[in-house]
Protein backbone atom coordinates (compact mmCIF):
# COMPACT_ATOMS: atom_id res chain seq x y z
CA MET A 1 -101.98 7.33 -29.77
CA THR A 2 -99.68 5.42 -32.09
CA PRO A 3 -100.00 6.65 -35.69
CA ASN A 4 -100.61 4.19 -38.48
CA VAL A 5 -97.61 2.67 -40.23
CA SER A 6 -97.25 4.36 -43.61
CA GLN A 7 -97.49 2.38 -46.82
CA ALA A 8 -94.11 3.85 -47.73
CA ALA A 9 -92.58 2.16 -44.68
CA VAL A 10 -94.22 -1.18 -45.48
CA ASP A 11 -93.09 -1.00 -49.10
CA ALA A 12 -89.56 -0.09 -48.01
CA ALA A 13 -89.32 -3.06 -45.63
CA ILE A 14 -90.46 -5.47 -48.34
CA GLN A 15 -88.23 -4.04 -51.05
CA ILE A 16 -85.20 -3.93 -48.76
CA ALA A 17 -85.81 -7.51 -47.64
CA ASP A 18 -85.76 -8.53 -51.31
CA LEU A 19 -82.39 -6.81 -51.74
CA ALA A 20 -81.08 -8.41 -48.54
CA ARG A 21 -81.96 -11.85 -49.92
CA GLU A 22 -79.72 -11.26 -52.91
CA ILE A 23 -76.74 -10.48 -50.69
CA SER A 24 -77.15 -13.24 -48.13
CA MET A 25 -77.86 -15.94 -50.69
CA LYS A 26 -74.78 -14.93 -52.67
CA TYR A 27 -72.68 -15.97 -49.68
CA PHE A 28 -74.78 -18.82 -48.26
CA ARG A 29 -72.99 -22.19 -48.32
CA GLN A 30 -69.89 -20.54 -49.76
CA PRO A 31 -66.44 -20.45 -48.12
CA LEU A 32 -66.47 -17.60 -45.60
CA ASP A 33 -64.11 -15.98 -43.14
CA ILE A 34 -65.85 -15.87 -39.78
CA GLU A 35 -64.79 -13.19 -37.34
CA HIS A 36 -65.79 -12.84 -33.70
CA LYS A 37 -66.92 -9.63 -32.07
CA ALA A 38 -66.04 -8.59 -28.53
CA ASP A 39 -68.96 -10.62 -27.16
CA ARG A 40 -67.68 -13.68 -29.09
CA SER A 41 -70.69 -13.69 -31.42
CA PRO A 42 -69.81 -14.51 -35.04
CA VAL A 43 -69.98 -12.07 -37.94
CA THR A 44 -69.38 -12.56 -41.67
CA ILE A 45 -69.09 -10.37 -44.73
CA ALA A 46 -72.71 -11.24 -45.47
CA ASP A 47 -73.85 -9.66 -42.17
CA GLN A 48 -71.79 -6.55 -42.85
CA GLN A 49 -72.78 -6.03 -46.46
CA THR A 50 -76.45 -6.72 -45.79
CA GLU A 51 -76.68 -4.21 -42.96
CA ALA A 52 -74.71 -1.59 -44.87
CA MET A 53 -77.22 -1.84 -47.72
CA ILE A 54 -80.21 -1.71 -45.36
CA ARG A 55 -78.84 1.32 -43.52
CA ASP A 56 -78.12 3.16 -46.78
CA GLU A 57 -81.57 2.43 -48.18
CA LEU A 58 -83.40 3.49 -45.03
CA SER A 59 -81.30 6.62 -44.60
CA ARG A 60 -82.09 7.64 -48.17
CA ARG A 61 -85.81 6.95 -47.89
CA PHE A 62 -86.38 8.14 -44.31
CA PRO A 63 -83.59 10.60 -43.37
CA GLU A 64 -85.52 11.76 -40.30
CA HIS A 65 -85.78 8.26 -38.81
CA GLY A 66 -83.35 6.65 -36.38
CA PHE A 67 -81.49 3.41 -36.93
CA TYR A 68 -80.47 0.62 -34.55
CA GLY A 69 -78.42 -2.13 -36.17
CA GLU A 70 -76.43 -5.09 -34.96
CA GLU A 71 -73.34 -4.41 -37.04
CA THR A 72 -73.28 -0.64 -37.64
CA GLY A 73 -74.65 0.62 -34.34
CA GLN A 74 -77.14 3.32 -33.45
CA THR A 75 -78.04 6.66 -35.00
CA ARG A 76 -80.72 9.08 -33.74
CA THR A 77 -82.41 6.48 -31.56
CA ASP A 78 -84.16 9.35 -29.75
CA ALA A 79 -86.21 9.98 -32.92
CA ALA A 80 -89.93 9.16 -32.86
CA TRP A 81 -89.47 6.52 -35.56
CA VAL A 82 -86.55 4.10 -35.35
CA TRP A 83 -85.69 1.19 -37.63
CA VAL A 84 -84.25 -1.83 -35.83
CA VAL A 85 -82.36 -4.32 -37.98
CA ASP A 86 -80.61 -7.67 -37.68
CA PRO A 87 -79.13 -8.36 -41.12
CA ILE A 88 -78.62 -12.06 -40.46
CA ASP A 89 -80.31 -13.43 -37.38
CA GLY A 90 -78.65 -16.79 -36.84
CA THR A 91 -75.15 -16.13 -38.16
CA THR A 92 -73.98 -19.42 -36.65
CA SER A 93 -76.61 -21.26 -38.67
CA PHE A 94 -75.78 -19.24 -41.77
CA SER A 95 -72.07 -19.91 -41.51
CA THR A 96 -72.59 -23.65 -41.06
CA GLY A 97 -74.99 -24.01 -44.00
CA LYS A 98 -78.21 -24.29 -41.99
CA PRO A 99 -81.13 -22.50 -43.68
CA THR A 100 -82.90 -21.16 -40.57
CA PHE A 101 -81.15 -17.77 -40.62
CA GLY A 102 -83.21 -14.68 -41.38
CA THR A 103 -83.22 -10.94 -41.89
CA LEU A 104 -85.19 -8.99 -39.29
CA ILE A 105 -86.49 -5.51 -40.10
CA SER A 106 -88.59 -3.59 -37.60
CA LEU A 107 -89.95 -0.08 -37.29
CA ALA A 108 -90.64 1.29 -33.82
CA TYR A 109 -92.65 4.36 -32.83
CA GLU A 110 -91.62 5.85 -29.49
CA GLY A 111 -89.96 2.52 -28.67
CA GLU A 112 -92.96 0.33 -29.57
CA PRO A 113 -92.51 -2.10 -32.47
CA VAL A 114 -95.28 -1.38 -34.98
CA LEU A 115 -93.91 -3.10 -38.10
CA GLY A 116 -91.97 -6.33 -38.25
CA LEU A 117 -90.66 -8.35 -41.16
CA VAL A 118 -89.08 -11.78 -40.67
CA ASP A 119 -87.51 -13.07 -43.87
CA LEU A 120 -85.79 -16.44 -44.30
CA PRO A 121 -84.14 -16.33 -47.73
CA ALA A 122 -82.98 -19.94 -47.97
CA LEU A 123 -86.45 -21.25 -47.12
CA ASP A 124 -88.44 -18.63 -49.06
CA ASP A 125 -90.39 -17.87 -45.88
CA ARG A 126 -91.52 -14.34 -45.04
CA TRP A 127 -93.78 -13.09 -42.27
CA LEU A 128 -95.00 -9.49 -42.21
CA GLY A 129 -96.63 -8.01 -39.14
CA ILE A 130 -98.15 -4.53 -38.86
CA LYS A 131 -99.71 -3.23 -35.65
CA GLY A 132 -103.48 -3.61 -35.83
CA GLN A 133 -103.42 -5.91 -38.86
CA VAL A 134 -103.39 -9.66 -39.40
CA THR A 135 -99.96 -11.19 -39.92
CA LEU A 136 -99.17 -12.36 -43.43
CA TYR A 137 -97.03 -15.35 -44.37
CA ASN A 138 -95.87 -15.10 -47.97
CA GLY A 139 -98.78 -12.74 -48.55
CA LYS A 140 -101.53 -14.84 -46.93
CA PRO A 141 -103.11 -14.36 -43.46
CA VAL A 142 -102.03 -16.74 -40.71
CA SER A 143 -103.06 -17.37 -37.12
CA ALA A 144 -101.47 -18.92 -34.08
CA ASN A 145 -102.94 -21.98 -32.35
CA GLU A 146 -105.82 -20.76 -30.20
CA ASN A 147 -106.70 -24.26 -29.01
CA ALA A 148 -103.53 -25.11 -27.08
CA LEU A 149 -104.53 -23.79 -23.67
CA GLU A 150 -102.22 -25.94 -21.53
CA ILE A 151 -98.44 -26.16 -21.55
CA ALA A 152 -98.73 -29.93 -21.88
CA GLN A 153 -100.48 -29.38 -25.23
CA ALA A 154 -97.73 -27.10 -26.48
CA SER A 155 -94.37 -27.60 -28.15
CA SER A 156 -91.62 -25.19 -27.14
CA TYR A 157 -88.79 -23.76 -29.20
CA THR A 158 -85.51 -22.14 -28.26
CA THR A 159 -82.40 -21.58 -30.32
CA THR A 160 -79.93 -22.97 -27.80
CA THR A 161 -79.75 -23.57 -24.06
CA LYS A 162 -76.45 -21.67 -24.11
CA MET A 163 -78.66 -18.59 -24.04
CA PHE A 164 -79.44 -19.22 -20.39
CA ASP A 165 -77.32 -18.52 -17.33
CA ASP A 166 -77.80 -20.81 -14.33
CA ALA A 167 -80.78 -18.92 -12.92
CA ALA A 168 -82.49 -18.57 -16.30
CA MET A 169 -81.81 -22.24 -17.06
CA GLN A 170 -83.68 -23.28 -13.94
CA ARG A 171 -86.66 -21.18 -14.97
CA TYR A 172 -86.52 -22.45 -18.55
CA ARG A 173 -86.46 -26.09 -17.39
CA ALA A 174 -89.49 -25.46 -15.20
CA LEU A 175 -91.36 -24.53 -18.37
CA ALA A 176 -89.80 -26.93 -20.88
CA ASP A 177 -90.30 -29.97 -18.66
CA LYS A 178 -94.05 -29.31 -18.75
CA SER A 179 -94.32 -28.89 -22.50
CA LYS A 180 -95.27 -31.60 -24.99
CA PHE A 181 -91.76 -31.55 -26.42
CA SER A 182 -88.84 -29.14 -26.89
CA VAL A 183 -87.18 -28.18 -30.16
CA PHE A 184 -83.83 -26.44 -30.55
CA GLY A 185 -81.97 -24.52 -33.22
CA ALA A 186 -84.79 -22.50 -34.80
CA ASP A 187 -83.36 -18.96 -34.72
CA CYS A 188 -86.11 -16.50 -35.79
CA LEU A 189 -87.97 -19.30 -37.62
CA GLY A 190 -89.51 -20.44 -34.33
CA TYR A 191 -91.52 -17.23 -34.00
CA GLY A 192 -92.77 -17.49 -37.56
CA LEU A 193 -93.83 -21.08 -36.98
CA LEU A 194 -95.71 -19.93 -33.87
CA ALA A 195 -97.50 -17.24 -35.90
CA SER A 196 -98.47 -19.87 -38.47
CA GLY A 197 -99.83 -22.29 -35.87
CA PHE A 198 -97.15 -24.97 -35.98
CA THR A 199 -95.67 -24.45 -32.52
CA GLU A 200 -96.97 -22.76 -29.40
CA ILE A 201 -94.10 -21.45 -27.24
CA VAL A 202 -90.77 -19.79 -27.94
CA VAL A 203 -88.62 -18.88 -24.95
CA GLU A 204 -85.21 -17.24 -25.22
CA ALA A 205 -82.68 -15.08 -23.39
CA SER A 206 -79.43 -13.19 -24.03
CA LEU A 207 -81.19 -11.22 -26.75
CA GLU A 208 -80.72 -7.67 -28.02
CA PRO A 209 -83.42 -5.36 -29.45
CA TYR A 210 -82.45 -6.23 -33.01
CA ASP A 211 -83.12 -9.90 -32.16
CA TYR A 212 -86.70 -9.40 -30.98
CA MET A 213 -88.31 -6.14 -32.15
CA ALA A 214 -89.43 -7.49 -35.55
CA LEU A 215 -91.01 -10.52 -33.89
CA VAL A 216 -93.58 -8.55 -31.88
CA PRO A 217 -95.97 -7.42 -34.67
CA VAL A 218 -95.63 -10.83 -36.34
CA VAL A 219 -96.63 -12.77 -33.22
CA GLU A 220 -99.31 -10.34 -32.05
CA GLY A 221 -100.87 -9.97 -35.50
CA ALA A 222 -101.41 -13.73 -35.56
CA GLY A 223 -103.24 -13.67 -32.22
CA GLY A 224 -100.26 -14.72 -30.14
CA CYS A 225 -98.63 -13.01 -27.17
CA ILE A 226 -95.03 -11.89 -26.69
CA SER A 227 -93.48 -10.27 -23.63
CA ASP A 228 -90.47 -10.38 -21.38
CA TRP A 229 -90.34 -13.18 -18.82
CA GLU A 230 -92.12 -10.96 -16.28
CA GLY A 231 -95.02 -10.31 -18.63
CA GLN A 232 -94.06 -6.75 -19.56
CA PRO A 233 -94.61 -5.53 -23.14
CA VAL A 234 -91.64 -5.77 -25.47
CA ARG A 235 -90.09 -2.41 -26.26
CA LEU A 236 -86.80 -1.08 -27.57
CA THR A 237 -85.60 -0.86 -23.97
CA SER A 238 -86.76 -4.33 -22.86
CA GLY A 239 -84.34 -6.73 -21.24
CA ASP A 240 -82.82 -9.80 -22.84
CA GLN A 241 -85.43 -12.43 -21.87
CA ILE A 242 -88.31 -12.85 -24.33
CA VAL A 243 -91.14 -15.38 -24.44
CA ALA A 244 -93.91 -15.85 -27.01
CA SER A 245 -97.03 -18.00 -26.78
CA ALA A 246 -99.82 -18.90 -29.16
CA ASN A 247 -102.68 -17.31 -27.20
CA PRO A 248 -103.34 -15.25 -24.05
CA VAL A 249 -104.52 -18.17 -21.88
CA LEU A 250 -101.42 -20.21 -22.64
CA HIS A 251 -99.16 -17.18 -22.24
CA GLN A 252 -100.27 -16.58 -18.68
CA LYS A 253 -99.55 -20.21 -17.79
CA VAL A 254 -96.14 -19.97 -19.46
CA LEU A 255 -95.32 -16.85 -17.43
CA ASP A 256 -96.42 -18.62 -14.24
CA ALA A 257 -94.13 -21.54 -15.04
CA LEU A 258 -91.20 -19.23 -15.70
CA ARG A 259 -91.65 -17.61 -12.30
CA VAL A 260 -90.67 -20.84 -10.55
CA GLU A 261 -87.41 -20.11 -8.69
C-alpha cells in the first residue's frame, strides 16, 4: 500500500517551486548562451542553476530520498522515495522567449509518481497533484472534461512532431487526424490545460522520466487518464511514449487509435 504523501513533502515542492521561479525569471528573455548536450537537446545557465538549487534544497530536507534530475543526474534512485525534477521543461521555448516553459517537480514512491507540481513562472500557472486528492490550479480545484467521449469531440496537443520517429508518426497521425483539431508547442502546459478542462488529449514521445512523472498526479487528480501508448501505468521505468486523455472512455478510444499500424 502506498503511504500518504507527507505535508513536509508538499510544502517543500511548493517552496522550492517558488525559489525556482526567481531563478528562471531572472534569465527569461535575457541574452543567454545556449549549449547542446550529447543528445543535441539545449541547456542554459537557467536550467543548471535551477536544478542545482532544487537538488540542494531536497538533499537538505530529505537526505534519505533519491534524486533523478535532467541536468545533474541520478542519486540513490533505489530508495523508496525519489524526487524527479526537470528544472526547465521546454528549454527551447524558454531560450526563444516563449512563456510555455515550466518547472516539473515530482515525488515517486517505489517508482510510482504520488506528487506532481507543474509550475509555469512566466504565465503564473501552477498545478499541484497529490495521489488520492483533487488537483489544484493556483490553489483551486479543477477537473478535466468528462463530456468529451469521442476523439472527434477532442482537441489534441503535442509539443512538436519532431518527437516522433517514422513508426510513431504513423500512429500519431492515426489519432490526430480523428481529433477536432491539433495544437503544437505546448510543452508541459498542455497537460495542465487538460487537467483544467481546456483540452482533451496530449500525446508525446521521446520523453524521459523527468518530462512526465510530475504530470501523472496532476492529470489523474483532475479525473483524467495518463499512460504509455500501450495503456500501461506511468512509472519511473516507463518508456518514452506518453498519452493523456480527459476521461477513461476517451482514453480507451485514444489508445485504440494509437494501435493502428
